């Protein structure tokens, strides 16, 4: 992108967004797709979206969506 991290963060803030919020949206969408359309274990989904600890992934997923990864896997 050829801009500094600080410039990117400032531009995101000016647009009303934050890097962490964007990262979480991308992680949630990818995790939901993997849970619904693959047979990967939840720990493997966690690793795929950047979590080293499955428990932290489950907490984050519940915060993002209001449901557990296991519940998301069962819904279509």
Protein backbone atom coordinates (compact mmCIF):
# COMPACT_ATOMS: atom_id res chain seq x y z
CA UNK A 1 0.00 0.00 0.00
CA UNK A 2 3.07 2.19 0.33
CA UNK A 3 1.84 4.08 3.41
CA UNK A 4 2.90 3.93 7.01
CA UNK A 5 0.89 2.09 9.62
CA UNK A 6 0.15 5.38 11.36
CA UNK A 7 -1.19 6.93 8.13
CA UNK A 8 -3.39 3.90 7.51
CA UNK A 9 -4.79 4.03 11.04
CA UNK A 10 -5.45 7.77 10.71
CA UNK A 11 -7.22 7.32 7.38
CA UNK A 12 -9.34 4.51 8.79
CA UNK A 13 -10.27 6.64 11.79
CA UNK A 14 -11.20 9.51 9.46
CA UNK A 15 -13.48 7.08 7.61
CA UNK A 16 -15.05 6.02 10.91
CA UNK A 17 -13.43 2.60 11.10
CA UNK A 18 -10.60 0.91 12.97
CA UNK A 19 -8.09 -1.73 11.93
CA UNK A 20 -9.16 -4.09 14.72
CA UNK A 21 -12.81 -3.88 13.69
CA UNK A 22 -11.95 -4.66 10.06
CA UNK A 23 -9.72 -7.57 11.13
CA UNK A 24 -12.52 -8.97 13.29
CA UNK A 25 -15.08 -8.73 10.45
CA UNK A 26 -12.73 -10.58 8.09
CA UNK A 27 -12.00 -13.24 10.71
CA UNK A 28 -15.70 -13.71 11.50
CA UNK A 29 -16.71 -14.06 7.84
CA UNK A 30 -13.91 -16.54 7.11
CA UNK A 31 -14.62 -18.55 10.25
CA UNK A 32 -18.35 -18.71 9.49
CA UNK A 33 -17.66 -19.90 5.94
CA UNK A 34 -15.27 -22.59 7.20
CA UNK A 35 -17.67 -23.73 9.90
CA UNK A 36 -20.57 -24.05 7.46
CA UNK A 37 -18.77 -25.47 4.45
CA UNK A 38 -15.94 -27.63 5.75
CA UNK A 39 -15.38 -30.53 8.08
CA UNK A 40 -12.44 -28.86 9.82
CA UNK A 41 -12.31 -29.17 13.57
CA UNK A 42 -13.11 -25.98 15.44
CA UNK A 43 -9.49 -25.78 16.60
CA UNK A 44 -8.37 -25.95 12.96
CA UNK A 45 -10.82 -23.17 12.04
CA UNK A 46 -9.42 -21.14 14.93
CA UNK A 47 -5.88 -21.59 13.63
CA UNK A 48 -6.96 -20.78 10.07
CA UNK A 49 -8.34 -17.39 11.12
CA UNK A 50 -5.33 -16.51 13.28
CA UNK A 51 -6.03 -17.78 16.78
CA UNK A 52 -3.49 -19.96 18.56
CA UNK A 53 -5.98 -20.90 21.27
CA UNK A 54 -9.35 -22.51 20.49
CA UNK A 55 -10.86 -21.14 23.68
CA UNK A 56 -10.04 -17.57 22.69
CA UNK A 57 -11.53 -18.21 19.26
CA UNK A 58 -14.76 -19.49 20.80
CA UNK A 59 -15.01 -16.39 23.00
CA UNK A 60 -14.33 -14.07 20.07
CA UNK A 61 -16.79 -15.88 17.81
CA UNK A 62 -19.51 -15.60 20.44
CA UNK A 63 -18.73 -11.89 20.86
CA UNK A 64 -18.90 -11.34 17.08
CA UNK A 65 -22.04 -13.34 16.35
CA UNK A 66 -23.84 -14.02 19.62
CA UNK A 67 -23.56 -17.79 19.12
CA UNK A 68 -20.96 -20.48 19.53
CA UNK A 69 -18.94 -21.92 16.66
CA UNK A 70 -20.68 -25.25 17.21
CA UNK A 71 -24.09 -23.60 16.82
CA UNK A 72 -22.89 -21.84 13.66
CA UNK A 73 -21.76 -25.14 12.23
CA UNK A 74 -25.25 -26.60 12.63
CA UNK A 75 -27.06 -23.69 10.95
CA UNK A 76 -27.32 -23.32 7.22
